[in-house]
C-alpha cells in the first residue's frame, strides 16, 4: 500500500496544504474544529509525517482566491484574463487560483464574500477593495487567522493588508491634472469629473491628486464635484450630458474610472470637443485616441498587476521575502503618437 502524503491529508480534510502544515507544526492560528478535521484525516489515512515531503509540498503548492468586480469594466475584464492566464502558466509549479466575481462598488457584497472565506481553504486572498468599516473588520478577521491579504487596484489602510498591488493613485490624479491643465492652454472654465464611486480609494485618491495640481498650477480652472456613474456607460452619458447642458464653460473632462463609452457619447454633442483625459488603455480608448475624441490615457498594466499579485501571495504564503520594487506598478501615459 502506498504511503499517505500531506496531499492526501489535505484532500480528505478538505483544507489547504498550508493548513495541514500549520497543524503539523503546532501553530495556534488554526481553529480547533479545523485542527480536529486534519487530525481525523491523518488517523484515517494512517499518515506518518515525512518532513522533507511536507516541506516540498508547502513550498510548491498554493491555492489563492481573487475577488474581482463584475460588470462591463474593460480593465477589470483584462485583469481577470491576465490573472487566469498567469495562474495557468504556474499550474505546473503548484499554483491554483480561484477567481470569484463581486458586484462593483458594493461594500455589502464584498463583505459577504470576505466573511465567507474559510482561511483553511486558501493560502492567500487578493481583492479590489471597497473601503468600509465592515470590509475592514472582515480583513482583520482573516489576518487574525494568519491568511495573507493583498489589495489590488484599490487599497485599504496599510495596517490592514500585507501589500498593495497597483499604481499610486494620488500621483495618477496629479498626472491627469498636469496633462489636462496644459491641454486647456490657459483657458478659463470648469473641469467636469466622472468617477465610478468615491467609496473606492483609488477613485477618491485620483480626485484628490487632481484637485491638488489644478488648484496650485492652473488657477483659471475650477474642478467640479465628481459625477458618480458607477462605471456604467449609460449612467455616465446621462449624468455628464446634464452637467454639460447646465454648465456652458466646461473646459475639460477627466474620467477617473470606467464607463468611458458614455463619456465620449455625451461629449459627441459638442463642437469643438474639450480636452479629455481617461484611465486605462482598452480597445475603445485606443480607438478614441486615434480618432481624436480623447487626448490622453493613463494606464496601469493589468498583466503586471496580475503577475505581481500572484508572486506576492506566493512569497507571503511561503514565508519568503519579496522585492517590493520588482512588483511595483508604474503609471504610463499614452497619447495618439506613442500607442504600443
Protein backbone atom coordinates (compact mmCIF):
# COMPACT_ATOMS: atom_id res chain seq x y z
CA UNK A 1 0.00 0.00 0.00
CA UNK A 2 1.30 3.44 -0.97
CA UNK A 3 2.25 5.70 1.88
CA UNK A 4 -0.21 8.55 2.57
CA UNK A 5 1.04 12.04 1.82
CA UNK A 6 0.29 15.56 3.01
CA UNK A 7 -1.76 15.95 -0.19
CA UNK A 8 -3.98 13.04 0.87
CA UNK A 9 -4.50 14.58 4.31
CA UNK A 10 -5.43 17.93 2.80
CA UNK A 11 -7.86 16.28 0.36
CA UNK A 12 -9.61 14.14 2.99
CA UNK A 13 -9.80 17.01 5.50
CA UNK A 14 -10.93 19.48 2.82
CA UNK A 15 -8.29 22.07 3.70
CA UNK A 16 -5.20 23.58 2.08
CA UNK A 17 -1.71 22.19 2.31
CA UNK A 18 -0.58 25.16 4.36
CA UNK A 19 -3.30 24.45 6.92
CA UNK A 20 -2.09 20.85 7.28
CA UNK A 21 1.42 22.22 7.72
CA UNK A 22 0.26 24.59 10.46
CA UNK A 23 -1.36 21.68 12.30
CA UNK A 24 1.74 19.51 11.91
CA UNK A 25 3.92 22.30 13.31
CA UNK A 26 1.61 23.10 16.23
CA UNK A 27 0.84 26.65 15.24
CA UNK A 28 -2.03 28.27 17.10
CA UNK A 29 -3.61 30.09 14.14
CA UNK A 30 -5.74 27.05 13.18
CA UNK A 31 -9.23 26.82 14.62
CA UNK A 32 -9.98 23.87 16.89
CA UNK A 33 -12.62 22.43 14.54
CA UNK A 34 -10.22 22.56 11.61
CA UNK A 35 -7.42 21.05 13.64
CA UNK A 36 -9.76 18.18 14.57
CA UNK A 37 -10.58 17.58 10.88
CA UNK A 38 -6.91 17.41 9.96
CA UNK A 39 -6.06 15.09 12.84
CA UNK A 40 -9.03 12.83 12.00
CA UNK A 41 -7.85 12.66 8.38
CA UNK A 42 -4.32 11.74 9.47
CA UNK A 43 -5.66 8.96 11.69
CA UNK A 44 -7.96 7.59 8.98
CA UNK A 45 -5.10 7.54 6.50
CA UNK A 46 -2.54 6.19 8.97
CA UNK A 47 -0.47 9.17 7.99
CA UNK A 48 3.15 9.20 9.17
CA UNK A 49 4.87 12.51 8.80
CA UNK A 50 7.63 12.86 6.24
CA UNK A 51 9.21 16.23 6.99
CA UNK A 52 11.02 16.54 3.67
CA UNK A 53 7.87 15.80 1.67
CA UNK A 54 5.82 18.18 3.78
CA UNK A 55 8.31 20.96 3.24
CA UNK A 56 8.37 20.34 -0.51
CA UNK A 57 4.57 20.43 -0.68
CA UNK A 58 4.42 23.62 1.30
CA UNK A 59 6.88 25.31 -1.00
CA UNK A 60 5.27 24.29 -4.24
CA UNK A 61 1.50 24.07 -3.71
CA UNK A 62 -0.67 27.14 -3.22
CA UNK A 63 -4.34 27.97 -3.60
CA UNK A 64 -5.29 31.65 -3.85
CA UNK A 65 -8.62 33.46 -4.07
CA UNK A 66 -9.09 36.60 -6.19
CA UNK A 67 -12.24 38.70 -5.73
CA UNK A 68 -12.74 40.95 -8.76
CA UNK A 69 -15.59 43.34 -9.67
CA UNK A 70 -18.21 42.20 -12.17
CA UNK A 71 -19.66 44.32 -14.97
CA UNK A 72 -18.54 45.74 -18.28
CA UNK A 73 -15.42 47.47 -16.94
CA UNK A 74 -12.93 46.60 -19.69
CA UNK A 75 -9.90 46.99 -17.45
CA UNK A 76 -11.29 44.57 -14.85
CA UNK A 77 -12.03 42.01 -17.54
CA UNK A 78 -8.46 42.39 -18.82
CA UNK A 79 -7.16 41.98 -15.28
CA UNK A 80 -9.29 38.86 -14.77
CA UNK A 81 -7.97 37.35 -18.00
CA UNK A 82 -4.37 38.09 -17.00
CA UNK A 83 -4.81 36.53 -13.54
CA UNK A 84 -6.19 33.33 -15.07
CA UNK A 85 -3.54 33.27 -17.79
CA UNK A 86 -0.63 33.67 -15.37
CA UNK A 87 -2.09 31.07 -12.99
CA UNK A 88 -2.22 28.59 -15.87
CA UNK A 89 1.45 29.27 -16.54
CA UNK A 90 2.23 28.47 -12.89
CA UNK A 91 -0.03 25.42 -12.59
CA UNK A 92 2.92 23.05 -13.03
CA UNK A 93 4.56 24.77 -10.05
CA UNK A 94 1.57 24.03 -7.84
CA UNK A 95 -0.22 27.40 -8.04
CA UNK A 96 -4.02 27.25 -8.23
CA UNK A 97 -6.05 30.47 -8.47
CA UNK A 98 -9.80 30.73 -7.92
CA UNK A 99 -11.48 33.89 -9.25
CA UNK A 100 -14.85 34.96 -7.88
CA UNK A 101 -16.79 37.93 -9.23
CA UNK A 102 -18.36 40.52 -6.91
CA UNK A 103 -20.72 43.41 -7.80
CA UNK A 104 -18.63 46.58 -8.22
CA UNK A 105 -18.63 49.27 -5.51
CA UNK A 106 -20.88 47.06 -3.33
CA UNK A 107 -19.38 47.06 0.14
CA UNK A 108 -22.03 44.68 1.50
CA UNK A 109 -21.42 42.12 -1.26
CA UNK A 110 -17.66 42.32 -0.77
CA UNK A 111 -18.09 41.95 2.98
CA UNK A 112 -20.21 38.80 2.48
CA UNK A 113 -17.55 37.27 0.26
CA UNK A 114 -14.77 38.06 2.72
CA UNK A 115 -16.54 36.68 5.79
CA UNK A 116 -17.45 33.52 3.85
CA UNK A 117 -13.78 32.71 3.18
CA UNK A 118 -12.52 29.64 5.00
CA UNK A 119 -8.90 30.55 5.74
CA UNK A 120 -8.08 26.85 5.87
CA UNK A 121 -9.12 26.50 2.23
CA UNK A 122 -6.79 29.15 0.80
CA UNK A 123 -3.20 30.25 1.17
CA UNK A 124 -3.95 33.91 0.40
CA UNK A 125 -6.55 36.30 -0.95
CA UNK A 126 -6.36 39.32 -3.27
CA UNK A 127 -9.25 41.68 -3.89
CA UNK A 128 -10.21 45.10 -5.23
CA UNK A 129 -11.06 46.95 -2.04
CA UNK A 130 -14.17 48.91 -1.20
CA UNK A 131 -13.35 50.79 1.98
CA UNK A 132 -15.99 50.44 4.69
CA UNK A 133 -15.99 49.52 8.40
CA UNK A 134 -17.48 46.10 7.64
CA UNK A 135 -14.85 45.32 4.99
CA UNK A 136 -12.07 46.43 7.31
CA UNK A 137 -13.37 44.18 10.09
CA UNK A 138 -13.59 41.19 7.73
CA UNK A 139 -9.98 41.74 6.66
CA UNK A 140 -8.85 41.97 10.29
CA UNK A 141 -10.54 38.62 10.95
CA UNK A 142 -8.74 36.99 8.02
CA UNK A 143 -5.38 38.37 9.09
CA UNK A 144 -6.01 37.16 12.65
CA UNK A 145 -6.24 33.66 11.20
CA UNK A 146 -2.86 34.03 9.50
CA UNK A 147 -4.21 34.39 5.96
CA UNK A 148 -2.14 36.72 3.73
CA UNK A 149 -4.29 39.53 2.31
CA UNK A 150 -3.29 41.65 -0.69
CA UNK A 151 -5.30 44.57 -2.08
CA UNK A 152 -5.40 45.06 -5.81
CA UNK A 153 -6.01 48.30 -7.82
CA UNK A 154 -7.87 49.97 -4.91
CA UNK A 155 -6.36 49.92 -1.43
CA UNK A 156 -7.28 49.88 2.26
CA UNK A 157 -5.32 51.47 5.12
CA UNK A 158 -1.85 49.93 5.05
CA UNK A 159 -2.06 48.47 8.55
CA UNK A 160 -4.87 46.12 7.47
CA UNK A 161 -3.45 44.34 4.43
CA UNK A 162 0.03 42.98 3.88
CA UNK A 163 0.68 44.54 0.48
CA UNK A 164 -0.96 46.68 -2.20
CA UNK A 165 -0.60 45.97 -5.91
CA UNK A 166 -1.42 48.98 -8.06
CA UNK A 167 -0.37 52.45 -9.08
CA UNK A 168 -0.02 55.40 -6.75
CA UNK A 169 -3.46 56.87 -7.39
CA UNK A 170 -2.73 60.32 -5.94
CA UNK A 171 0.15 60.58 -8.39
CA UNK A 172 -2.14 59.36 -11.16
CA UNK A 173 -4.63 62.12 -10.40
CA UNK A 174 -1.85 64.70 -10.28
CA UNK A 175 -0.56 63.42 -13.63
CA UNK A 176 -4.03 63.76 -15.15
CA UNK A 177 -4.27 67.33 -13.86
CA UNK A 178 -0.90 68.28 -15.30
CA UNK A 179 -1.88 66.92 -18.69
CA UNK A 180 -5.37 68.39 -18.78
CA UNK A 181 -4.25 71.76 -17.46
CA UNK A 182 -1.72 72.04 -20.26
CA UNK A 183 -4.19 70.79 -22.87
CA UNK A 184 -6.55 73.59 -21.84
CA UNK A 185 -3.85 76.10 -22.78
CA UNK A 186 -4.72 78.88 -20.35
CA UNK A 187 -8.48 78.65 -20.96
CA UNK A 188 -10.72 79.67 -18.07
CA UNK A 189 -13.56 77.37 -17.13
CA UNK A 190 -14.61 74.28 -15.22
CA UNK A 191 -13.34 70.71 -15.33
CA UNK A 192 -16.06 68.07 -15.28
CA UNK A 193 -15.05 64.89 -13.45
CA UNK A 194 -16.69 61.48 -13.95
CA UNK A 195 -15.89 58.82 -11.36
CA UNK A 196 -17.09 55.32 -10.63
CA UNK A 197 -17.68 55.77 -6.92
CA UNK A 198 -15.92 57.69 -4.20
CA UNK A 199 -16.21 54.72 -1.80
CA UNK A 200 -13.22 53.11 -3.51
CA UNK A 201 -9.88 54.52 -2.50
CA UNK A 202 -8.36 54.63 -5.98
CA UNK A 203 -11.06 56.97 -7.31
CA UNK A 204 -11.04 59.14 -4.19
CA UNK A 205 -7.25 59.46 -4.31
CA UNK A 206 -7.19 60.28 -8.02
CA UNK A 207 -9.71 63.05 -7.43
CA UNK A 208 -7.67 64.39 -4.50
CA UNK A 209 -4.44 64.45 -6.52
CA UNK A 210 -6.24 66.07 -9.45
CA UNK A 211 -7.62 68.85 -7.24
CA UNK A 212 -4.20 69.50 -5.72
CA UNK A 213 -2.48 70.23 -9.03
CA UNK A 214 -5.33 72.12 -10.71
CA UNK A 215 -5.70 74.33 -7.64
CA UNK A 216 -1.99 75.05 -7.38
CA UNK A 217 -0.87 75.26 -11.02
CA UNK A 218 -3.95 76.15 -13.06
CA UNK A 219 -5.97 78.73 -11.06
CA UNK A 220 -8.10 79.68 -14.08
CA UNK A 221 -9.65 76.20 -13.98
CA UNK A 222 -12.14 75.04 -11.35
CA UNK A 223 -12.69 71.36 -10.57
CA UNK A 224 -16.35 70.37 -10.33
CA UNK A 225 -17.70 67.81 -7.83
CA UNK A 226 -17.37 64.29 -9.25
CA UNK A 227 -20.23 62.61 -11.07
CA UNK A 228 -20.57 59.10 -9.63
CA UNK A 229 -21.57 56.90 -12.58
CA UNK A 230 -20.62 53.53 -11.04
CA UNK A 231 -18.60 52.63 -14.14
CA UNK A 232 -21.84 52.39 -16.13
CA UNK A 233 -21.74 53.93 -19.61
CA UNK A 234 -25.44 54.83 -19.77
CA UNK A 235 -25.32 56.50 -16.36
CA UNK A 236 -22.16 58.39 -17.31
CA UNK A 237 -23.69 59.62 -20.57
CA UNK A 238 -26.90 60.79 -18.95
CA UNK A 239 -25.24 62.50 -15.97
CA UNK A 240 -22.48 64.18 -17.97
CA UNK A 241 -24.99 65.41 -20.56
CA UNK A 242 -26.96 67.09 -17.76
CA UNK A 243 -23.78 68.75 -16.45
CA UNK A 244 -22.78 69.95 -19.92
CA UNK A 245 -26.26 71.38 -20.56
CA UNK A 246 -26.19 73.25 -17.25
CA UNK A 247 -22.54 74.35 -17.42
CA UNK A 248 -21.57 76.19 -20.61
CA UNK A 249 -17.99 76.86 -19.52
CA UNK A 250 -16.74 73.26 -19.26
CA UNK A 251 -13.14 73.50 -20.45
CA UNK A 252 -12.09 69.88 -19.98
CA UNK A 253 -13.17 66.45 -18.75
CA UNK A 254 -11.37 63.97 -16.50
CA UNK A 255 -12.77 60.43 -16.36
CA UNK A 256 -11.44 58.72 -13.24
CA UNK A 257 -12.92 55.25 -13.77
CA UNK A 258 -14.69 53.19 -16.43
CA UNK A 259 -17.92 53.91 -18.34
CA UNK A 260 -15.96 55.96 -20.87
CA UNK A 261 -18.20 54.93 -23.74
CA UNK A 262 -20.87 57.11 -22.11
CA UNK A 263 -18.42 59.97 -21.54
CA UNK A 264 -17.43 60.01 -25.21
CA UNK A 265 -21.07 59.77 -26.30
CA UNK A 266 -22.03 62.77 -24.15
CA UNK A 267 -19.13 64.83 -25.48
CA UNK A 268 -20.00 63.94 -29.07
CA UNK A 269 -22.70 66.60 -28.97
CA UNK A 270 -20.08 69.34 -28.52
CA UNK A 271 -18.14 71.13 -31.22
CA UNK A 272 -15.30 71.70 -30.64
CA UNK A 273 -14.52 68.90 -28.20
CA UNK A 274 -12.90 69.90 -24.90
CA UNK A 275 -9.68 68.15 -23.86
CA UNK A 276 -10.34 64.75 -22.27
CA UNK A 277 -8.13 62.51 -20.11
CA UNK A 278 -9.25 58.99 -19.18
CA UNK A 279 -7.84 55.94 -17.44
CA UNK A 280 -6.90 52.51 -18.83
CA UNK A 281 -5.83 51.56 -22.33
CA UNK A 282 -8.56 49.38 -23.85
CA UNK A 283 -9.67 48.70 -27.41
CA UNK A 284 -12.15 51.58 -27.10
CA UNK A 285 -9.77 54.14 -25.58
CA UNK A 286 -7.15 53.23 -28.18
CA UNK A 287 -9.66 53.92 -30.97
CA UNK A 288 -10.81 57.19 -29.38
CA UNK A 289 -7.21 58.39 -29.16
CA UNK A 290 -6.68 57.67 -32.84
CA UNK A 291 -9.96 59.40 -33.73
CA UNK A 292 -9.14 62.48 -31.66
CA UNK A 293 -12.10 62.02 -29.31
CA UNK A 294 -9.87 61.89 -26.22
CA UNK A 295 -6.40 63.33 -25.66
CA UNK A 296 -4.56 61.08 -23.22
CA UNK A 297 -4.86 57.75 -21.42
CA UNK A 298 -3.29 56.99 -18.05
CA UNK A 299 -2.61 53.29 -17.82
CA UNK A 300 -1.76 50.66 -15.23
CA UNK A 301 -0.59 47.42 -16.81
CA UNK A 302 -3.09 44.62 -15.97
CA UNK A 303 -0.61 41.88 -16.87
CA UNK A 304 2.00 43.30 -14.49
CA UNK A 305 -0.61 43.67 -11.74
CA UNK A 306 -1.75 40.06 -12.14
CA UNK A 307 1.79 38.68 -12.09
CA UNK A 308 2.80 40.88 -9.17
CA UNK A 309 -0.23 39.90 -7.10
CA UNK A 310 0.32 36.17 -7.57
CA UNK A 311 4.07 36.39 -6.99
CA UNK A 312 3.48 38.42 -3.83
CA UNK A 313 0.96 35.90 -2.49
CA UNK A 314 3.38 33.04 -3.17
CA UNK A 315 6.12 34.87 -1.26
CA UNK A 316 3.86 35.76 1.66
CA UNK A 317 2.42 32.24 1.88
CA UNK A 318 5.81 30.57 1.82
CA UNK A 319 7.39 33.00 4.28
CA UNK A 320 9.90 34.22 1.73
CA UNK A 321 10.99 37.85 1.27
CA UNK A 322 9.98 39.63 -1.91
CA UNK A 323 11.23 42.70 -3.67
CA UNK A 324 8.53 45.36 -3.45
CA UNK A 325 10.20 47.42 -6.15
CA UNK A 326 10.10 44.48 -8.56
CA UNK A 327 6.35 44.21 -8.02
CA UNK A 328 5.70 47.95 -8.26
CA UNK A 329 3.18 49.02 -10.91
CA UNK A 330 4.07 52.24 -12.69
CA UNK A 331 1.94 54.98 -14.24
CA UNK A 332 2.04 55.03 -18.04
CA UNK A 333 0.84 57.89 -20.27
CA UNK A 334 -0.35 57.24 -23.80
CA UNK A 335 -1.11 59.80 -26.47
CA UNK A 336 -2.11 59.14 -30.06
CA UNK A 337 1.54 59.25 -31.11
CA UNK A 338 3.01 56.67 -28.69
CA UNK A 339 0.42 53.89 -28.67
CA UNK A 340 2.05 50.46 -28.30
